[in-house]
C-alpha atoms as a PDB file:
ATOM      1  CA  MET A   1     -36.692  -7.791  77.703  1.00  0.00           C
ATOM      2  CA  PHE A   2     -38.864 -10.230  75.818  1.00  0.00           C
ATOM      3  CA  LEU A   3     -39.064 -11.471  72.264  1.00  0.00           C
ATOM      4  CA  CYS A   4     -41.634  -9.554  70.277  1.00  0.00           C
ATOM      5  CA  ILE A   5     -42.726 -11.486  67.217  1.00  0.00           C
ATOM      6  CA  ARG A   6     -45.189  -9.890  64.843  1.00  0.00           C
ATOM      7  CA  ALA A   7     -46.103 -10.958  61.343  1.00  0.00           C
ATOM      8  CA  ASP A   8     -44.190  -7.941  60.002  1.00  0.00           C
ATOM      9  CA  GLU A   9     -41.147  -7.818  62.261  1.00  0.00           C
ATOM     10  CA  VAL A  10     -38.946  -9.591  64.755  1.00  0.00           C
ATOM     11  CA  GLY A  11     -37.298  -7.605  67.475  1.00  0.00           C
ATOM     12  CA  TYR A  12     -37.068  -6.867  71.152  1.00  0.00           C
ATOM     13  CA  VAL A  13     -39.133  -4.488  73.219  1.00  0.00           C
ATOM     14  CA  GLN A  14     -38.911  -3.531  76.859  1.00  0.00           C
ATOM     15  CA  SER A  15     -41.256  -5.556  79.045  1.00  0.00           C
ATOM     16  CA  PRO A  16     -42.981  -3.976  82.034  1.00  0.00           C
ATOM     17  CA  THR A  17     -43.080  -7.346  83.793  1.00  0.00           C
ATOM     18  CA  PRO A  18     -40.474 -10.060  84.300  1.00  0.00           C
ATOM     19  CA  SER A  19     -40.352 -12.640  81.558  1.00  0.00           C
ATOM     20  CA  ASN A  20     -38.704 -15.980  80.917  1.00  0.00           C
ATOM     21  CA  ALA A  21     -38.134 -15.032  77.285  1.00  0.00           C
ATOM     22  CA  PRO A  22     -34.614 -14.847  75.888  1.00  0.00           C
ATOM     23  CA  ALA A  23     -32.422 -11.793  75.935  1.00  0.00           C
ATOM     24  CA  ALA A  24     -30.557 -12.836  72.784  1.00  0.00           C
ATOM     25  CA  PRO A  25     -31.373 -11.227  69.429  1.00  0.00           C
ATOM     26  CA  LEU A  26     -31.589 -13.275  66.248  1.00  0.00           C
ATOM     27  CA  SER A  27     -28.595 -14.004  64.076  1.00  0.00           C
ATOM     28  CA  ASP A  28     -28.723 -12.571  60.556  1.00  0.00           C
ATOM     29  CA  GLU A  29     -29.373 -16.087  59.241  1.00  0.00           C
ATOM     30  CA  LEU A  30     -32.255 -16.642  61.619  1.00  0.00           C
ATOM     31  CA  ALA A  31     -33.766 -13.261  60.714  1.00  0.00           C
ATOM     32  CA  LEU A  32     -33.764 -14.455  57.078  1.00  0.00           C
ATOM     33  CA  VAL A  33     -35.416 -17.703  58.175  1.00  0.00           C
ATOM     34  CA  VAL A  34     -38.186 -15.742  59.889  1.00  0.00           C
ATOM     35  CA  ALA A  35     -38.717 -13.614  56.778  1.00  0.00           C
ATOM     36  CA  GLY A  36     -38.891 -16.773  54.654  1.00  0.00           C
ATOM     37  CA  ALA A  37     -41.377 -18.420  57.018  1.00  0.00           C
ATOM     38  CA  ARG A  38     -43.539 -15.289  56.930  1.00  0.00           C
ATOM     39  CA  ARG A  39     -43.536 -15.271  53.109  1.00  0.00           C
ATOM     40  CA  ARG A  40     -44.341 -18.980  53.026  1.00  0.00           C
ATOM     41  CA  ALA A  41     -47.302 -18.562  55.396  1.00  0.00           C
ATOM     42  CA  LEU A  42     -48.675 -15.663  53.363  1.00  0.00           C
ATOM     43  CA  ARG A  43     -48.225 -17.531  50.069  1.00  0.00           C
ATOM     44  CA  ASP A  44     -49.914 -20.626  51.508  1.00  0.00           C
ATOM     45  CA  GLY A  45     -52.873 -18.542  52.687  1.00  0.00           C
ATOM     46  CA  ASP A  46     -52.210 -19.326  56.343  1.00  0.00           C
ATOM     47  CA  ARG A  47     -53.122 -16.804  59.030  1.00  0.00           C
ATOM     48  CA  GLN A  48     -50.089 -17.616  61.118  1.00  0.00           C
ATOM     49  CA  ILE A  49     -46.521 -18.781  60.788  1.00  0.00           C
ATOM     50  CA  ASP A  50     -46.516 -22.308  62.182  1.00  0.00           C
ATOM     51  CA  THR A  51     -43.705 -24.651  63.129  1.00  0.00           C
ATOM     52  CA  ALA A  52     -43.760 -26.381  59.722  1.00  0.00           C
ATOM     53  CA  HIS A  53     -43.207 -22.988  58.026  1.00  0.00           C
ATOM     54  CA  LEU A  54     -40.252 -22.422  60.356  1.00  0.00           C
ATOM     55  CA  LEU A  55     -38.826 -25.889  59.685  1.00  0.00           C
ATOM     56  CA  HIS A  56     -39.143 -25.425  55.909  1.00  0.00           C
ATOM     57  CA  SER A  57     -37.399 -22.063  56.014  1.00  0.00           C
ATOM     58  CA  LEU A  58     -34.680 -23.351  58.377  1.00  0.00           C
ATOM     59  CA  LEU A  59     -33.875 -26.242  56.030  1.00  0.00           C
ATOM     60  CA  GLU A  60     -33.728 -24.015  52.967  1.00  0.00           C
ATOM     61  CA  ALA A  61     -31.696 -21.179  54.472  1.00  0.00           C
ATOM     62  CA  ASP A  62     -29.358 -22.608  57.098  1.00  0.00           C
ATOM     63  CA  PRO A  63     -26.518 -25.029  56.283  1.00  0.00           C
ATOM     64  CA  GLU A  64     -25.924 -25.633  60.009  1.00  0.00           C
ATOM     65  CA  VAL A  65     -29.525 -26.867  60.331  1.00  0.00           C
ATOM     66  CA  ARG A  66     -29.130 -29.174  57.321  1.00  0.00           C
ATOM     67  CA  ALA A  67     -25.913 -30.549  58.851  1.00  0.00           C
ATOM     68  CA  ALA A  68     -27.846 -31.536  61.999  1.00  0.00           C
ATOM     69  CA  PHE A  69     -29.540 -34.365  60.074  1.00  0.00           C
ATOM     70  CA  ASP A  70     -28.073 -37.805  59.448  1.00  0.00           C
ATOM     71  CA  ASP A  71     -27.581 -37.428  55.712  1.00  0.00           C
ATOM     72  CA  LYS A  72     -28.404 -35.352  52.643  1.00  0.00           C
ATOM     73  CA  ALA A  73     -31.086 -37.825  51.565  1.00  0.00           C
ATOM     74  CA  GLN A  74     -32.949 -37.174  54.820  1.00  0.00           C
ATOM     75  CA  VAL A  75     -32.872 -33.410  54.164  1.00  0.00           C
ATOM     76  CA  ALA A  76     -34.085 -33.999  50.590  1.00  0.00           C
ATOM     77  CA  ARG A  77     -36.998 -36.123  51.875  1.00  0.00           C
ATOM     78  CA  LEU A  78     -37.894 -33.427  54.392  1.00  0.00           C
ATOM     79  CA  LEU A  79     -37.828 -30.673  51.790  1.00  0.00           C
ATOM     80  CA  GLY A  80     -39.877 -32.799  49.397  1.00  0.00           C
ATOM     81  CA  TYR A  81     -42.459 -33.444  52.073  1.00  0.00           C
ATOM     82  CA  LEU A  82     -42.607 -29.753  52.994  1.00  0.00           C
ATOM     83  CA  VAL A  83     -43.027 -28.750  49.342  1.00  0.00           C
ATOM     84  CA  GLN A  84     -45.907 -31.220  49.064  1.00  0.00           C
ATOM     85  CA  ARG A  85     -47.428 -29.581  52.122  1.00  0.00           C
ATOM     86  CA  SER A  86     -47.151 -26.132  50.575  1.00  0.00           C
ATOM     87  CA  ILE A  87     -48.868 -27.268  47.368  1.00  0.00           C
ATOM     88  CA  GLY A  88     -51.757 -29.018  49.009  1.00  0.00           C
ATOM     89  CA  TYR A  89     -50.772 -31.621  51.568  1.00  0.00           C
ATOM     90  CA  GLY A  90     -51.255 -29.181  54.428  1.00  0.00           C
ATOM     91  CA  LEU A  91     -54.796 -28.189  53.525  1.00  0.00           C
ATOM     92  CA  GLN A  92     -56.081 -29.797  56.711  1.00  0.00           C
ATOM     93  CA  TRP A  93     -53.893 -27.280  58.560  1.00  0.00           C
ATOM     94  CA  GLN A  94     -54.743 -24.252  56.440  1.00  0.00           C
ATOM     95  CA  GLY A  95     -56.546 -21.585  58.407  1.00  0.00           C
ATOM     96  CA  ALA A  96     -56.283 -23.587  61.632  1.00  0.00           C
ATOM     97  CA  VAL A  97     -54.279 -22.322  64.581  1.00  0.00           C
ATOM     98  CA  GLU A  98     -51.457 -24.646  65.556  1.00  0.00           C
ATOM     99  CA  ASP A  99     -51.533 -25.328  69.275  1.00  0.00           C
ATOM    100  CA  SER A 100     -49.613 -28.339  70.447  1.00  0.00           C
ATOM    101  CA  GLY A 101     -50.544 -27.712  74.058  1.00  0.00           C
ATOM    102  CA  ALA A 102     -46.976 -28.536  75.067  1.00  0.00           C
ATOM    103  CA  VAL A 103     -46.137 -24.986  76.072  1.00  0.00           C
ATOM    104  CA  PRO A 104     -48.503 -22.673  77.935  1.00  0.00           C
ATOM    105  CA  VAL A 105     -48.824 -19.442  75.966  1.00  0.00           C
ATOM    106  CA  VAL A 106     -50.148 -16.250  77.513  1.00  0.00           C
ATOM    107  CA  GLY A 107     -51.237 -13.676  74.982  1.00  0.00           C
ATOM    108  CA  GLY A 108     -49.324 -15.230  72.102  1.00  0.00           C
ATOM    109  CA  ALA A 109     -47.622 -13.332  69.313  1.00  0.00           C
ATOM    110  CA  PRO A 110     -49.773 -11.902  66.537  1.00  0.00           C
ATOM    111  CA  GLY A 111     -49.136 -13.681  63.253  1.00  0.00           C
ATOM    112  CA  TRP A 112     -47.495 -16.690  64.912  1.00  0.00           C
ATOM    113  CA  SER A 113     -48.921 -19.981  66.120  1.00  0.00           C
ATOM    114  CA  PRO A 114     -48.320 -20.458  69.853  1.00  0.00           C
ATOM    115  CA  PRO A 115     -45.840 -23.346  69.292  1.00  0.00           C
ATOM    116  CA  ALA A 116     -43.896 -21.351  66.668  1.00  0.00           C
ATOM    117  CA  ALA A 117     -43.659 -18.322  68.965  1.00  0.00           C
ATOM    118  CA  ALA A 118     -42.607 -20.618  71.818  1.00  0.00           C
ATOM    119  CA  ALA A 119     -39.919 -22.234  69.624  1.00  0.00           C
ATOM    120  CA  MET A 120     -38.499 -18.822  68.764  1.00  0.00           C
ATOM    121  CA  GLY A 121     -38.412 -17.897  72.446  1.00  0.00           C
ATOM    122  CA  ALA A 122     -36.873 -21.223  73.453  1.00  0.00           C
ATOM    123  CA  GLY A 123     -34.256 -20.838  70.713  1.00  0.00           C
ATOM    124  CA  GLY A 124     -33.238 -17.510  72.230  1.00  0.00           C
ATOM    125  CA  GLU A 125     -33.105 -19.044  75.698  1.00  0.00           C
ATOM    126  CA  ARG A 126     -30.932 -21.870  74.406  1.00  0.00           C
ATOM    127  CA  ALA A 127     -28.510 -19.375  72.864  1.00  0.00           C
ATOM    128  CA  ALA A 128     -28.402 -17.290  76.041  1.00  0.00           C
ATOM    129  CA  SER A 129     -27.768 -20.396  78.173  1.00  0.00           C
ATOM    130  CA  ARG A 130     -24.561 -21.121  76.289  1.00  0.00           C
ATOM    131  CA  GLY A 131     -23.512 -17.472  76.402  1.00  0.00           C
ATOM    132  CA  ASP A 132     -24.319 -16.616  72.783  1.00  0.00           C
ATOM    133  CA  GLU A 133     -25.619 -13.158  72.093  1.00  0.00           C
ATOM    134  CA  ARG A 134     -27.669 -14.328  69.123  1.00  0.00           C
ATOM    135  CA  ALA A 135     -29.997 -17.261  68.562  1.00  0.00           C
ATOM    136  CA  ARG A 136     -29.133 -19.450  65.582  1.00  0.00           C
ATOM    137  CA  GLY A 137     -31.148 -21.762  63.385  1.00  0.00           C
ATOM    138  CA  VAL A 138     -30.041 -24.870  65.276  1.00  0.00           C
ATOM    139  CA  ASP A 139     -31.357 -23.283  68.467  1.00  0.00           C
ATOM    140  CA  VAL A 140     -34.815 -23.005  66.932  1.00  0.00           C
ATOM    141  CA  LEU A 141     -34.528 -26.493  65.398  1.00  0.00           C
ATOM    142  CA  ALA A 142     -33.767 -27.901  68.868  1.00  0.00           C
ATOM    143  CA  ALA A 143     -36.812 -26.096  70.258  1.00  0.00           C
ATOM    144  CA  LEU A 144     -39.012 -27.426  67.459  1.00  0.00           C
ATOM    145  CA  ALA A 145     -37.790 -30.987  68.026  1.00  0.00           C
ATOM    146  CA  ALA A 146     -38.490 -30.658  71.750  1.00  0.00           C
ATOM    147  CA  ASP A 147     -42.233 -30.064  71.163  1.00  0.00           C
ATOM    148  CA  ALA A 148     -43.456 -33.557  70.341  1.00  0.00           C
ATOM    149  CA  GLU A 149     -46.933 -32.311  69.399  1.00  0.00           C
ATOM    150  CA  CYS A 150     -46.035 -29.523  66.950  1.00  0.00           C
ATOM    151  CA  ARG A 151     -46.510 -29.700  63.181  1.00  0.00           C
ATOM    152  CA  ALA A 152     -42.764 -29.604  62.554  1.00  0.00           C
ATOM    153  CA  VAL A 153     -42.290 -32.819  64.550  1.00  0.00           C
ATOM    154  CA  GLU A 154     -45.153 -34.409  62.622  1.00  0.00           C
ATOM    155  CA  VAL A 155     -43.396 -33.487  59.378  1.00  0.00           C
ATOM    156  CA  LEU A 156     -40.061 -34.786  60.672  1.00  0.00           C
ATOM    157  CA  GLY A 157     -41.632 -38.107  61.604  1.00  0.00           C
ATOM    158  CA  ARG A 158     -43.465 -38.497  58.304  1.00  0.00           C
ATOM    159  CA  ALA A 159     -40.192 -37.880  56.462  1.00  0.00           C
ATOM    160  CA  GLY A 160     -38.520 -40.673  58.434  1.00  0.00           C
ATOM    161  CA  VAL A 161     -36.482 -38.598  60.855  1.00  0.00           C
ATOM    162  CA  GLU A 162     -35.952 -40.186  64.260  1.00  0.00           C
ATOM    163  CA  VAL A 163     -36.855 -37.116  66.303  1.00  0.00           C
ATOM    164  CA  ALA A 164     -35.427 -38.515  69.548  1.00  0.00           C
ATOM    165  CA  ARG A 165     -32.090 -39.055  67.811  1.00  0.00           C
ATOM    166  CA  LEU A 166     -32.218 -35.527  66.379  1.00  0.00           C
ATOM    167  CA  ARG A 167     -32.893 -34.164  69.887  1.00  0.00           C
ATOM    168  CA  ARG A 168     -29.829 -35.990  71.212  1.00  0.00           C
ATOM    169  CA  ARG A 169     -27.651 -34.717  68.357  1.00  0.00           C
ATOM    170  CA  LEU A 170     -28.713 -31.155  69.061  1.00  0.00           C
ATOM    171  CA  GLY A 171     -28.108 -31.544  72.796  1.00  0.00           C
END
Protein backbone atom coordinates (compact mmCIF):
# COMPACT_ATOMS: atom_id res chain seq x y z
CA MET A 1 0.00 0.00 0.00
CA PHE A 2 1.16 3.55 -0.54
CA LEU A 3 -0.18 6.97 0.26
CA CYS A 4 -2.04 8.45 -2.67
CA ILE A 5 -2.31 12.21 -2.38
CA ARG A 6 -4.22 14.11 -5.02
CA ALA A 7 -5.44 17.67 -4.93
CA ASP A 8 -9.00 16.37 -4.53
CA GLU A 9 -8.55 13.43 -2.18
CA VAL A 10 -6.36 11.64 0.31
CA GLY A 11 -6.51 7.90 0.51
CA TYR A 12 -4.74 4.63 -0.04
CA VAL A 13 -4.48 2.59 -3.20
CA GLN A 14 -2.88 -0.76 -3.86
CA SER A 15 0.65 -0.46 -5.20
CA PRO A 16 1.97 -2.91 -7.78
CA THR A 17 5.51 -2.43 -6.47
CA PRO A 18 6.97 -2.37 -2.97
CA SER A 19 6.99 1.03 -1.34
CA ASN A 20 8.45 2.65 1.75
CA ALA A 21 5.28 4.69 2.20
CA PRO A 22 3.19 4.31 5.35
CA ALA A 23 0.41 1.83 5.82
CA ALA A 24 -1.43 4.06 8.29
CA PRO A 25 -4.48 6.07 7.19
CA LEU A 26 -5.01 9.65 8.32
CA SER A 27 -6.78 10.54 11.52
CA ASP A 28 -10.02 12.51 11.12
CA GLU A 29 -8.18 15.61 12.36
CA LEU A 30 -5.40 15.19 9.83
CA ALA A 31 -7.91 14.67 7.02
CA LEU A 32 -9.40 18.06 7.98
CA VAL A 33 -5.91 19.57 7.95
CA VAL A 34 -5.37 18.29 4.41
CA ALA A 35 -8.70 19.73 3.29
CA GLY A 36 -7.78 23.08 4.86
CA ALA A 37 -4.36 23.10 3.20
CA ARG A 38 -5.98 22.33 -0.16
CA ARG A 39 -8.44 25.22 0.26
CA ARG A 40 -5.64 27.55 1.32
CA ALA A 41 -3.52 26.66 -1.73
CA LEU A 42 -6.46 27.20 -4.08
CA ARG A 43 -7.39 30.51 -2.44
CA ASP A 44 -3.78 31.70 -2.61
CA GLY A 45 -3.60 30.83 -6.32
CA ASP A 46 -0.90 28.21 -5.77
CA ARG A 47 -0.69 25.19 -8.06
CA GLN A 48 0.32 22.88 -5.25
CA ILE A 49 -0.14 22.38 -1.54
CA ASP A 50 3.24 23.19 -0.03
CA THR A 51 4.66 22.64 3.43
CA ALA A 52 3.71 26.16 4.58
CA HIS A 53 0.06 25.44 3.65
CA LEU A 54 0.27 22.25 5.71
CA LEU A 55 1.86 24.05 8.66
CA HIS A 56 -0.80 26.79 8.59
CA SER A 57 -3.62 24.27 8.51
CA LEU A 58 -2.02 22.12 11.24
CA LEU A 59 -1.72 25.12 13.57
CA GLU A 60 -5.30 26.21 12.98
CA ALA A 61 -6.95 22.80 13.25
CA ASP A 62 -4.96 20.67 15.68
CA PRO A 63 -4.62 21.49 19.40
CA GLU A 64 -1.98 18.75 19.79
CA VAL A 65 0.17 20.53 17.19
CA ARG A 66 -0.25 23.88 18.96
CA ALA A 67 0.74 22.22 22.25
CA ALA A 68 4.04 21.09 20.68
CA PHE A 69 5.31 24.69 20.74
CA ASP A 70 6.90 26.42 23.72
CA ASP A 71 4.08 28.87 24.38
CA LYS A 72 0.90 30.42 23.02
CA ALA A 73 2.76 33.56 21.96
CA GLN A 74 4.94 31.46 19.67
CA VAL A 75 1.84 29.94 18.03
CA ALA A 76 0.33 33.43 17.64
CA ARG A 77 3.53 34.68 15.96
CA LEU A 78 3.51 31.69 13.62
CA LEU A 79 -0.13 32.18 12.67
CA GLY A 80 0.45 35.90 12.14
CA TYR A 81 3.40 35.20 9.89
CA LEU A 82 1.43 32.60 7.92
CA VAL A 83 -1.50 35.01 7.48
CA GLN A 84 0.93 37.62 6.16
CA ARG A 85 2.19 35.01 3.72
CA SER A 86 -1.32 34.26 2.50
CA ILE A 87 -2.06 37.95 1.89
CA GLY A 88 1.10 38.72 0.01
CA TYR A 89 4.28 37.78 1.82
CA GLY A 90 4.54 34.51 -0.07
CA LEU A 91 4.32 36.02 -3.54
CA GLN A 92 7.89 34.94 -4.26
CA TRP A 93 6.64 31.37 -3.73
CA GLN A 94 3.40 31.70 -5.67
CA GLY A 95 3.32 29.49 -8.73
CA ALA A 96 6.72 28.00 -7.91
CA VAL A 97 7.12 24.33 -7.08
CA GLU A 98 8.54 23.74 -3.62
CA ASP A 99 11.43 21.31 -3.77
CA SER A 100 13.73 21.28 -0.80
CA GLY A 101 15.88 18.56 -2.31
CA ALA A 102 16.04 16.87 1.09
CA VAL A 103 13.93 13.91 0.03
CA PRO A 104 14.20 12.18 -3.33
CA VAL A 105 10.75 12.09 -4.92
CA VAL A 106 9.89 9.73 -7.76
CA GLY A 107 6.77 10.71 -9.64
CA GLY A 108 5.45 12.99 -6.92
CA ALA A 109 1.81 13.46 -6.02
CA PRO A 110 -0.34 15.63 -8.27
CA GLY A 111 -1.38 18.82 -6.51
CA TRP A 112 1.32 18.52 -3.84
CA SER A 113 4.84 19.88 -3.66
CA PRO A 114 7.39 17.07 -3.33
CA PRO A 115 8.33 18.08 0.27
CA ALA A 116 4.66 18.28 1.32
CA ALA A 117 3.92 14.85 -0.16
CA ALA A 118 7.05 13.49 1.53
CA ALA A 119 5.98 14.99 4.89
CA MET A 120 2.60 13.30 4.61
CA GLY A 121 4.28 9.98 3.85
CA ALA A 122 6.81 10.39 6.65
CA GLY A 123 4.00 11.27 9.06
CA GLY A 124 2.31 7.97 8.21
CA GLU A 125 5.58 6.10 8.67
CA ARG A 126 6.10 7.74 12.05
CA ALA A 127 2.62 6.67 13.16
CA ALA A 128 3.15 3.12 11.92
CA SER A 129 6.53 2.90 13.70
CA ARG A 130 4.87 3.49 17.06
CA GLY A 131 2.05 1.08 16.24
CA ASP A 132 -0.64 3.68 15.53
CA GLU A 133 -3.13 2.88 12.84
CA ARG A 134 -3.60 6.53 11.93
CA ALA A 135 -1.19 9.39 11.34
CA ARG A 136 -1.81 12.48 13.45
CA GLY A 137 -0.98 16.13 13.02
CA VAL A 138 2.09 15.92 15.25
CA ASP A 139 3.41 13.16 13.00
CA VAL A 140 3.27 15.49 10.01
CA LEU A 141 4.66 18.39 12.08
CA ALA A 142 7.65 16.21 13.03
CA ALA A 143 8.18 15.36 9.36
CA LEU A 144 7.99 19.03 8.37
CA ALA A 145 10.50 20.01 11.06
CA ALA A 146 12.87 17.28 9.88
CA ASP A 147 13.19 18.83 6.39
CA ALA A 148 15.50 21.77 7.06
CA GLU A 149 15.06 23.15 3.53
CA CYS A 150 11.25 23.19 3.27
CA ARG A 151 9.10 26.33 3.36
CA ALA A 152 7.50 25.33 6.66
CA VAL A 153 10.91 25.33 8.37
CA GLU A 154 11.66 28.72 6.83
CA VAL A 155 8.40 30.03 8.29
CA LEU A 156 9.14 28.46 11.67
CA GLY A 157 12.56 30.11 11.76
CA ARG A 158 11.27 33.52 10.71
CA ALA A 159 8.67 33.34 13.48
CA GLY A 160 11.40 32.68 16.05
CA VAL A 161 10.88 28.97 16.58
CA GLU A 162 14.03 27.03 17.42
CA VAL A 163 13.44 24.20 14.96
CA ALA A 164 16.08 21.93 16.51
CA ARG A 165 14.35 22.26 19.87
CA LEU A 166 10.98 21.54 18.25
CA ARG A 167 12.47 18.41 16.63
CA ARG A 168 13.69 17.20 20.03
CA ARG A 169 10.30 17.87 21.65
CA LEU A 170 8.56 15.86 18.96
CA GLY A 171 11.05 13.00 19.26
